[in-house]
Protein backbone atom coordinates (compact mmCIF):
# COMPACT_ATOMS: atom_id res chain seq x y z
CA MET A 1 -23.36 -24.74 -55.01
CA LYS A 2 -19.96 -25.62 -55.77
CA LEU A 3 -17.28 -24.22 -53.54
CA PRO A 4 -14.29 -22.35 -55.08
CA GLY A 5 -11.07 -24.56 -55.40
CA LEU A 6 -9.03 -22.46 -53.22
CA PHE A 7 -11.38 -22.98 -50.45
CA GLN A 8 -11.37 -26.79 -50.91
CA PHE A 9 -7.91 -26.69 -50.75
CA ARG A 10 -7.63 -24.83 -47.37
CA VAL A 11 -10.15 -27.11 -45.75
CA LEU A 12 -8.07 -30.17 -46.94
CA LYS A 13 -4.95 -28.41 -45.53
CA GLU A 14 -6.42 -28.09 -42.26
CA VAL A 15 -7.98 -31.71 -42.05
CA ALA A 16 -4.59 -33.20 -42.75
CA ARG A 17 -2.84 -30.85 -40.18
CA ALA A 18 -5.26 -32.04 -37.61
CA ILE A 19 -4.83 -35.67 -38.39
CA VAL A 20 -1.05 -35.40 -37.88
CA LYS A 21 -0.48 -33.06 -35.29
CA GLY A 22 -3.76 -33.85 -33.13
CA PRO A 23 -6.63 -31.37 -32.00
CA TYR A 24 -6.13 -27.77 -31.10
CA THR A 25 -8.10 -27.94 -27.87
CA THR A 26 -7.13 -28.82 -24.56
CA LYS A 27 -8.07 -32.26 -22.98
CA PHE A 28 -9.93 -30.41 -20.27
CA PRO A 29 -12.52 -32.73 -18.54
CA PHE A 30 -9.84 -35.74 -18.45
CA LYS A 31 -6.68 -33.50 -17.84
CA PRO A 32 -6.64 -30.31 -15.69
CA TYR A 33 -5.88 -27.32 -17.52
CA LYS A 34 -3.11 -25.00 -16.28
CA PRO A 35 -3.75 -21.48 -17.04
CA ILE A 36 -0.91 -18.81 -17.87
CA GLU A 37 0.91 -17.23 -14.98
CA ARG A 38 -0.99 -13.77 -15.07
CA PHE A 39 -4.61 -15.30 -15.53
CA ARG A 40 -7.19 -13.56 -13.23
CA GLY A 41 -9.08 -16.26 -11.35
CA LYS A 42 -10.93 -16.55 -7.91
CA PRO A 43 -9.80 -13.89 -5.63
CA GLU A 44 -8.98 -15.05 -2.09
CA PHE A 45 -8.28 -13.40 1.21
CA ASN A 46 -4.78 -14.03 3.04
CA GLU A 47 -5.89 -14.59 6.81
CA ASN A 48 -2.69 -13.37 8.03
CA GLU A 49 -1.91 -10.51 5.76
CA CYS A 50 -5.46 -8.98 5.40
CA VAL A 51 -6.09 -6.11 8.00
CA GLY A 52 -9.62 -5.73 7.58
CA CYS A 53 -9.68 -2.31 6.26
CA GLY A 54 -12.32 -2.49 3.94
CA ALA A 55 -10.30 -1.11 1.11
CA CYS A 56 -11.07 -3.89 -1.28
CA ALA A 57 -15.10 -3.38 -0.76
CA GLU A 58 -14.69 0.42 -1.69
CA VAL A 59 -12.96 0.02 -4.94
CA CYS A 60 -15.01 -3.10 -6.41
CA PRO A 61 -16.85 -1.66 -9.34
CA VAL A 62 -19.43 -4.45 -9.00
CA GLY A 63 -19.91 -4.43 -5.04
CA CYS A 64 -19.26 -8.04 -4.55
CA ILE A 65 -17.27 -7.45 -1.49
CA ASP A 66 -19.53 -6.84 1.52
CA LEU A 67 -18.11 -5.40 4.71
CA VAL A 68 -20.59 -6.59 7.62
CA ASP A 69 -19.61 -4.91 11.05
CA LYS A 70 -21.28 -6.53 14.36
CA VAL A 71 -21.29 -4.71 17.50
CA SER A 72 -22.33 -6.00 20.86
CA GLY A 73 -21.42 -4.11 23.80
CA ASN A 74 -17.80 -3.40 23.94
CA SER A 75 -16.63 -5.89 21.53
CA GLY A 76 -17.43 -6.37 17.59
CA SER A 77 -16.15 -8.05 14.58
CA ARG A 78 -15.92 -7.14 10.93
CA GLU A 79 -16.53 -9.59 8.23
CA LEU A 80 -15.69 -9.22 4.67
CA ILE A 81 -17.63 -11.23 2.32
CA GLN A 82 -16.50 -11.70 -1.17
CA HIS A 83 -19.23 -13.25 -3.82
CA TYR A 84 -17.18 -14.67 -6.45
CA ASP A 85 -20.29 -15.43 -8.21
CA GLU A 86 -20.73 -11.96 -9.16
CA CYS A 87 -16.92 -11.07 -9.52
CA ILE A 88 -15.81 -9.82 -12.76
CA TYR A 89 -12.10 -10.60 -11.84
CA CYS A 90 -11.05 -7.25 -12.74
CA GLY A 91 -8.21 -7.15 -9.98
CA GLU A 92 -9.05 -3.99 -8.60
CA CYS A 93 -9.27 -5.16 -4.94
CA GLU A 94 -5.70 -6.87 -5.52
CA ALA A 95 -4.30 -3.57 -6.77
CA ASN A 96 -5.79 -1.18 -4.02
CA CYS A 97 -4.99 -3.50 -1.12
CA ILE A 98 -3.02 -1.63 1.50
CA THR A 99 -1.00 -4.55 2.34
CA GLU A 100 -0.54 -5.70 -1.37
CA LYS A 101 -0.95 -9.14 0.04
CA GLY A 102 -4.28 -9.19 1.83
CA ILE A 103 -6.58 -10.27 -1.31
CA LYS A 104 -4.73 -12.07 -4.28
CA LEU A 105 -6.37 -13.40 -7.38
CA THR A 106 -5.56 -17.15 -8.01
CA ASN A 107 -5.47 -19.25 -10.92
CA GLU A 108 -8.54 -21.15 -10.04
CA TYR A 109 -11.12 -20.63 -12.55
CA ASP A 110 -13.39 -24.03 -12.26
CA LEU A 111 -16.02 -22.58 -9.67
CA ALA A 112 -19.15 -24.34 -10.76
CA LEU A 113 -21.54 -24.94 -7.97
CA PHE A 114 -25.08 -26.25 -7.71
CA ASP A 115 -26.03 -23.65 -4.89
CA ARG A 116 -25.05 -20.12 -5.59
CA LYS A 117 -25.26 -19.54 -1.89
CA GLN A 118 -22.00 -21.30 -1.53
CA ALA A 119 -20.11 -19.06 -4.04
CA TYR A 120 -18.53 -16.91 -1.49
CA ILE A 121 -15.45 -16.70 0.89
CA SER A 122 -15.13 -14.61 4.11
CA ILE A 123 -12.77 -13.41 6.57
CA LYS A 124 -13.37 -11.96 10.12
CA LYS A 125 -11.46 -9.37 11.91
CA GLU A 126 -11.73 -7.93 15.78
CA LEU A 127 -12.90 -4.20 15.86
CA VAL A 128 -11.88 -1.83 18.18
CA ILE A 129 -14.85 0.22 19.77
CA CYS A 130 -14.65 3.62 21.46
CA GLU A 131 -15.14 3.42 24.83
CA HIS A 132 -17.26 6.47 25.41
CA CYS A 133 -19.95 6.59 22.39
CA GLY A 134 -19.53 3.07 21.28
CA GLY A 135 -18.77 3.82 17.77
CA ILE A 136 -16.52 1.64 15.39
CA ILE A 137 -12.92 3.06 15.51
CA GLY A 138 -11.41 0.38 13.06
CA ALA A 139 -10.32 -3.22 12.77
CA LYS A 140 -7.57 -4.23 15.43
CA ASP A 141 -5.17 -5.75 12.78
CA HIS A 142 -5.56 -2.35 10.68
CA LEU A 143 -4.73 -0.04 13.41
CA SER A 144 -1.58 -2.35 14.60
CA PHE A 145 -0.54 -2.23 10.67
CA LEU A 146 -0.91 1.63 10.86
CA ALA A 147 1.08 1.82 14.15
CA ASN A 148 3.87 -0.30 12.62
CA LYS A 149 3.90 1.52 9.21
CA LEU A 150 3.75 5.09 10.64
CA GLY A 151 6.38 4.13 13.34
CA PRO A 152 7.10 7.16 15.99
CA LEU A 153 4.59 9.10 13.82
CA ALA A 154 1.69 7.02 15.38
CA TYR A 155 1.98 8.77 18.62
CA GLY A 156 0.18 11.84 17.16
CA ASN A 157 -3.10 9.93 16.74
CA PHE A 158 -4.47 8.68 20.00
CA PRO A 159 -6.22 5.50 18.96
CA LEU A 160 -3.03 4.31 17.59
CA ILE A 161 -1.21 5.07 20.61
CA LEU A 162 -3.34 2.77 22.35
CA THR A 163 -2.96 0.24 19.69
CA ALA A 164 0.93 0.45 20.10
CA GLN A 165 0.74 0.41 23.69
CA LYS A 166 -1.46 -2.66 23.90
CA GLU A 167 1.09 -4.38 21.58
CA LEU A 168 3.92 -3.69 23.83
CA LYS A 169 1.87 -4.32 26.84
């Protein structure tokens, strides 16, 4: 089958352009690719800014952020585990973070691993436990964040009073 003359001209034009200007693709394996500024890559927790409230786990549409509370006696810990092999990089966790800096999407996109069990990041926070019933009140950093955010209004809530008083000593 003979191709139309106009199509042959377009193909020859593209070949000539590629020879003169070089390839259109990036040289990825040999040169690292730098994504654009607003690229949504792997989410990462910020150890200092995350308060352990679990808002990111609540709003994740895929459910790739697990909130695991471990209580033993009068102490406990909360672990937030983000499975980035299941993540769709929608940015809901970053958009709904109460501190606005606790979890951020990075520009990291090359996330290939041999073992899928290694495809997670986690952060641990200390829990405040009720002295009477042993129930979880919340993460210590979260209560401190709320007490600082509310200021004098925090004295309307007893757990926040205790948290604020322990910080003042």
